[in-house]
């Protein structure tokens, strides 16, 4: 009888402990940041270098990489679009940071000529989001769709790579 009572008591204690753990896990997950949602607390530390990459294409074969240095509200860096079978765009970024939003001008070279395009980014924890481009058939140029959401998501990577 005492053994059965001890086993029941031990079982109840274990169940209550594991119940507390799941409650702690739920609380921890609520407090963690969702990299797809931006908040004011996502404003980045200043004087830091950040590096991100994004892949797309039918088999993830096209890569865009962004390396940026944030110094107070100034943003400088490099951006490269490296498609598998097309001409690449490589160039520099110069812009400003306000809270977690970055507005920059990308000056890039492609097919022997230089061009510029405004790009809009948003820092989101360990991710970078960008407003997508649109194509203007009249001018033959791409431009940032200012009305769109930040839907192109870049993953953070180690800047040494």
C-alpha atoms as a PDB file:
ATOM      1  CA  UNK A   1       0.000   0.000   0.000  1.00  0.00           C
ATOM      2  CA  UNK A   2       2.816   2.413   0.921  1.00  0.00           C
ATOM      3  CA  UNK A   3       4.674   1.549  -2.297  1.00  0.00           C
ATOM      4  CA  UNK A   4       1.550   2.191  -4.404  1.00  0.00           C
ATOM      5  CA  UNK A   5       0.959   5.506  -2.595  1.00  0.00           C
ATOM      6  CA  UNK A   6       4.615   6.521  -3.162  1.00  0.00           C
ATOM      7  CA  UNK A   7       4.420   5.602  -6.864  1.00  0.00           C
ATOM      8  CA  UNK A   8       1.195   7.606  -7.285  1.00  0.00           C
ATOM      9  CA  UNK A   9       2.734  10.568  -5.466  1.00  0.00           C
ATOM     10  CA  UNK A  10       5.924  10.375  -7.566  1.00  0.00           C
ATOM     11  CA  UNK A  11       3.834  10.133 -10.753  1.00  0.00           C
ATOM     12  CA  UNK A  12       1.798  13.204  -9.773  1.00  0.00           C
ATOM     13  CA  UNK A  13       4.944  15.185  -9.015  1.00  0.00           C
ATOM     14  CA  UNK A  14       6.463  14.250 -12.366  1.00  0.00           C
ATOM     15  CA  UNK A  15       3.270  15.192 -14.202  1.00  0.00           C
ATOM     16  CA  UNK A  16       3.079  18.532 -12.463  1.00  0.00           C
ATOM     17  CA  UNK A  17       6.735  19.248 -13.266  1.00  0.00           C
ATOM     18  CA  UNK A  18       6.303  18.411 -16.924  1.00  0.00           C
ATOM     19  CA  UNK A  19       3.153  20.545 -16.984  1.00  0.00           C
ATOM     20  CA  UNK A  20       5.186  23.494 -15.719  1.00  0.00           C
ATOM     21  CA  UNK A  21       7.798  22.908 -18.399  1.00  0.00           C
ATOM     22  CA  UNK A  22       5.238  23.064 -21.171  1.00  0.00           C
ATOM     23  CA  UNK A  23       3.840  26.236 -19.641  1.00  0.00           C
ATOM     24  CA  UNK A  24       7.360  27.721 -19.618  1.00  0.00           C
ATOM     25  CA  UNK A  25       7.868  26.686 -23.227  1.00  0.00           C
ATOM     26  CA  UNK A  26       4.654  28.445 -24.243  1.00  0.00           C
ATOM     27  CA  UNK A  27       5.687  31.592 -22.390  1.00  0.00           C
ATOM     28  CA  UNK A  28       9.141  31.487 -23.985  1.00  0.00           C
ATOM     29  CA  UNK A  29       7.727  31.082 -27.481  1.00  0.00           C
ATOM     30  CA  UNK A  30       5.379  34.017 -26.986  1.00  0.00           C
ATOM     31  CA  UNK A  31       8.355  36.199 -26.028  1.00  0.00           C
ATOM     32  CA  UNK A  32      10.506  35.187 -28.995  1.00  0.00           C
ATOM     33  CA  UNK A  33      10.647  37.386 -32.092  1.00  0.00           C
ATOM     34  CA  UNK A  34       8.989  36.314 -35.301  1.00  0.00           C
ATOM     35  CA  UNK A  35      11.428  37.225 -38.074  1.00  0.00           C
ATOM     36  CA  UNK A  36       8.547  37.959 -40.424  1.00  0.00           C
ATOM     37  CA  UNK A  37       7.107  40.725 -38.230  1.00  0.00           C
ATOM     38  CA  UNK A  38       8.930  43.979 -37.525  1.00  0.00           C
ATOM     39  CA  UNK A  39       8.679  45.896 -34.271  1.00  0.00           C
ATOM     40  CA  UNK A  40      10.274  49.075 -33.005  1.00  0.00           C
ATOM     41  CA  UNK A  41      12.591  46.948 -30.860  1.00  0.00           C
ATOM     42  CA  UNK A  42      14.082  45.543 -34.090  1.00  0.00           C
ATOM     43  CA  UNK A  43      15.946  48.818 -34.596  1.00  0.00           C
ATOM     44  CA  UNK A  44      19.533  47.660 -35.077  1.00  0.00           C
ATOM     45  CA  UNK A  45      22.560  48.531 -33.008  1.00  0.00           C
ATOM     46  CA  UNK A  46      24.621  51.231 -34.669  1.00  0.00           C
ATOM     47  CA  UNK A  47      28.203  50.863 -35.892  1.00  0.00           C
ATOM     48  CA  UNK A  48      27.540  47.276 -36.948  1.00  0.00           C
ATOM     49  CA  UNK A  49      27.987  45.333 -40.168  1.00  0.00           C
ATOM     50  CA  UNK A  50      25.145  43.097 -41.316  1.00  0.00           C
ATOM     51  CA  UNK A  51      25.103  40.512 -44.109  1.00  0.00           C
ATOM     52  CA  UNK A  52      22.072  38.834 -45.697  1.00  0.00           C
ATOM     53  CA  UNK A  53      21.234  36.593 -48.655  1.00  0.00           C
ATOM     54  CA  UNK A  54      18.131  35.610 -50.582  1.00  0.00           C
ATOM     55  CA  UNK A  55      17.708  32.847 -53.141  1.00  0.00           C
ATOM     56  CA  UNK A  56      14.976  32.544 -55.728  1.00  0.00           C
ATOM     57  CA  UNK A  57      14.342  31.067 -59.148  1.00  0.00           C
ATOM     58  CA  UNK A  58      12.744  27.740 -59.946  1.00  0.00           C
ATOM     59  CA  UNK A  59      15.420  25.815 -58.043  1.00  0.00           C
ATOM     60  CA  UNK A  60      16.794  28.526 -55.764  1.00  0.00           C
ATOM     61  CA  UNK A  61      19.636  29.070 -58.209  1.00  0.00           C
ATOM     62  CA  UNK A  62      19.575  32.900 -58.223  1.00  0.00           C
ATOM     63  CA  UNK A  63      21.155  34.675 -55.243  1.00  0.00           C
ATOM     64  CA  UNK A  64      21.008  38.229 -53.974  1.00  0.00           C
ATOM     65  CA  UNK A  65      23.416  39.248 -51.227  1.00  0.00           C
ATOM     66  CA  UNK A  66      23.415  42.422 -49.150  1.00  0.00           C
ATOM     67  CA  UNK A  67      26.237  43.588 -46.906  1.00  0.00           C
ATOM     68  CA  UNK A  68      25.651  46.821 -45.011  1.00  0.00           C
ATOM     69  CA  UNK A  69      27.310  48.921 -42.368  1.00  0.00           C
ATOM     70  CA  UNK A  70      24.962  50.908 -40.145  1.00  0.00           C
ATOM     71  CA  UNK A  71      26.556  53.914 -38.480  1.00  0.00           C
ATOM     72  CA  UNK A  72      23.981  55.978 -36.571  1.00  0.00           C
ATOM     73  CA  UNK A  73      21.321  56.665 -39.219  1.00  0.00           C
ATOM     74  CA  UNK A  74      23.662  56.236 -42.225  1.00  0.00           C
ATOM     75  CA  UNK A  75      23.730  53.002 -44.202  1.00  0.00           C
ATOM     76  CA  UNK A  76      26.454  52.030 -46.684  1.00  0.00           C
ATOM     77  CA  UNK A  77      27.235  48.702 -48.246  1.00  0.00           C
ATOM     78  CA  UNK A  78      27.192  46.393 -51.229  1.00  0.00           C
ATOM     79  CA  UNK A  79      24.426  44.530 -52.991  1.00  0.00           C
ATOM     80  CA  UNK A  80      24.806  41.838 -55.649  1.00  0.00           C
ATOM     81  CA  UNK A  81      22.183  40.062 -57.697  1.00  0.00           C
ATOM     82  CA  UNK A  82      23.730  36.901 -59.115  1.00  0.00           C
ATOM     83  CA  UNK A  83      21.345  35.016 -61.404  1.00  0.00           C
ATOM     84  CA  UNK A  84      22.444  31.636 -62.697  1.00  0.00           C
ATOM     85  CA  UNK A  85      22.156  32.317 -66.426  1.00  0.00           C
ATOM     86  CA  UNK A  86      21.810  36.084 -66.770  1.00  0.00           C
ATOM     87  CA  UNK A  87      23.981  39.138 -66.355  1.00  0.00           C
ATOM     88  CA  UNK A  88      24.675  39.989 -62.731  1.00  0.00           C
ATOM     89  CA  UNK A  89      24.102  43.330 -61.040  1.00  0.00           C
ATOM     90  CA  UNK A  90      26.772  44.340 -58.536  1.00  0.00           C
ATOM     91  CA  UNK A  91      27.108  47.656 -56.800  1.00  0.00           C
ATOM     92  CA  UNK A  92      26.948  49.888 -53.760  1.00  0.00           C
ATOM     93  CA  UNK A  93      24.212  50.929 -51.367  1.00  0.00           C
ATOM     94  CA  UNK A  94      23.950  54.376 -49.776  1.00  0.00           C
ATOM     95  CA  UNK A  95      20.969  55.245 -47.631  1.00  0.00           C
ATOM     96  CA  UNK A  96      19.416  56.152 -44.325  1.00  0.00           C
ATOM     97  CA  UNK A  97      17.954  54.251 -41.403  1.00  0.00           C
ATOM     98  CA  UNK A  98      14.834  55.361 -39.549  1.00  0.00           C
ATOM     99  CA  UNK A  99      13.758  52.985 -36.745  1.00  0.00           C
ATOM    100  CA  UNK A 100      14.047  49.664 -38.615  1.00  0.00           C
ATOM    101  CA  UNK A 101      13.381  50.934 -42.164  1.00  0.00           C
ATOM    102  CA  UNK A 102      16.198  51.546 -44.651  1.00  0.00           C
ATOM    103  CA  UNK A 103      15.765  53.617 -47.801  1.00  0.00           C
ATOM    104  CA  UNK A 104      18.792  53.385 -50.063  1.00  0.00           C
ATOM    105  CA  UNK A 105      19.996  53.949 -53.596  1.00  0.00           C
ATOM    106  CA  UNK A 106      21.638  50.956 -55.237  1.00  0.00           C
ATOM    107  CA  UNK A 107      24.200  52.027 -57.842  1.00  0.00           C
ATOM    108  CA  UNK A 108      25.090  48.939 -59.851  1.00  0.00           C
ATOM    109  CA  UNK A 109      26.855  47.817 -62.966  1.00  0.00           C
ATOM    110  CA  UNK A 110      25.236  45.447 -65.456  1.00  0.00           C
ATOM    111  CA  UNK A 111      26.255  44.528 -69.002  1.00  0.00           C
ATOM    112  CA  UNK A 112      28.930  47.215 -69.067  1.00  0.00           C
ATOM    113  CA  UNK A 113      26.677  50.086 -68.011  1.00  0.00           C
ATOM    114  CA  UNK A 114      25.902  51.737 -64.672  1.00  0.00           C
ATOM    115  CA  UNK A 115      22.396  52.360 -63.349  1.00  0.00           C
ATOM    116  CA  UNK A 116      20.639  53.200 -60.081  1.00  0.00           C
ATOM    117  CA  UNK A 117      17.528  52.017 -58.312  1.00  0.00           C
ATOM    118  CA  UNK A 118      15.901  52.962 -55.013  1.00  0.00           C
ATOM    119  CA  UNK A 119      15.557  49.980 -52.656  1.00  0.00           C
ATOM    120  CA  UNK A 120      13.470  49.758 -49.474  1.00  0.00           C
ATOM    121  CA  UNK A 121      14.472  47.389 -46.690  1.00  0.00           C
ATOM    122  CA  UNK A 122      13.191  46.632 -43.214  1.00  0.00           C
ATOM    123  CA  UNK A 123      15.270  44.954 -40.500  1.00  0.00           C
ATOM    124  CA  UNK A 124      13.356  42.176 -38.745  1.00  0.00           C
ATOM    125  CA  UNK A 125      15.342  40.508 -36.002  1.00  0.00           C
ATOM    126  CA  UNK A 126      17.733  38.164 -37.822  1.00  0.00           C
ATOM    127  CA  UNK A 127      16.185  38.836 -41.229  1.00  0.00           C
ATOM    128  CA  UNK A 128      16.011  41.616 -43.770  1.00  0.00           C
ATOM    129  CA  UNK A 129      12.833  42.259 -45.763  1.00  0.00           C
ATOM    130  CA  UNK A 130      12.665  44.161 -49.031  1.00  0.00           C
ATOM    131  CA  UNK A 131       9.842  45.655 -51.062  1.00  0.00           C
ATOM    132  CA  UNK A 132       9.678  43.872 -54.432  1.00  0.00           C
ATOM    133  CA  UNK A 133      10.482  45.389 -57.810  1.00  0.00           C
ATOM    134  CA  UNK A 134       8.073  46.188 -60.613  1.00  0.00           C
ATOM    135  CA  UNK A 135       8.831  46.480 -64.309  1.00  0.00           C
ATOM    136  CA  UNK A 136       7.899  49.537 -66.355  1.00  0.00           C
ATOM    137  CA  UNK A 137       7.381  48.382 -69.949  1.00  0.00           C
ATOM    138  CA  UNK A 138       7.570  51.957 -71.274  1.00  0.00           C
ATOM    139  CA  UNK A 139      11.033  52.666 -69.852  1.00  0.00           C
ATOM    140  CA  UNK A 140      12.282  49.070 -69.781  1.00  0.00           C
ATOM    141  CA  UNK A 141      13.421  49.571 -66.181  1.00  0.00           C
ATOM    142  CA  UNK A 142      12.686  47.998 -62.837  1.00  0.00           C
ATOM    143  CA  UNK A 143      11.732  50.093 -59.832  1.00  0.00           C
ATOM    144  CA  UNK A 144      10.731  49.445 -56.223  1.00  0.00           C
ATOM    145  CA  UNK A 145       7.006  48.993 -55.690  1.00  0.00           C
ATOM    146  CA  UNK A 146       6.461  51.539 -52.898  1.00  0.00           C
ATOM    147  CA  UNK A 147       2.865  50.344 -52.335  1.00  0.00           C
ATOM    148  CA  UNK A 148       3.848  46.707 -51.765  1.00  0.00           C
ATOM    149  CA  UNK A 149       4.594  45.017 -48.469  1.00  0.00           C
ATOM    150  CA  UNK A 150       8.124  44.005 -47.528  1.00  0.00           C
ATOM    151  CA  UNK A 151       7.748  40.520 -49.000  1.00  0.00           C
ATOM    152  CA  UNK A 152      11.249  39.529 -50.187  1.00  0.00           C
ATOM    153  CA  UNK A 153      12.911  37.963 -47.133  1.00  0.00           C
ATOM    154  CA  UNK A 154      16.693  37.710 -46.743  1.00  0.00           C
ATOM    155  CA  UNK A 155      18.380  35.466 -44.182  1.00  0.00           C
ATOM    156  CA  UNK A 156      21.222  36.732 -42.020  1.00  0.00           C
ATOM    157  CA  UNK A 157      24.633  35.203 -42.676  1.00  0.00           C
ATOM    158  CA  UNK A 158      28.108  35.529 -41.259  1.00  0.00           C
ATOM    159  CA  UNK A 159      29.838  38.494 -42.913  1.00  0.00           C
ATOM    160  CA  UNK A 160      33.155  36.620 -43.033  1.00  0.00           C
ATOM    161  CA  UNK A 161      31.770  34.274 -45.715  1.00  0.00           C
END
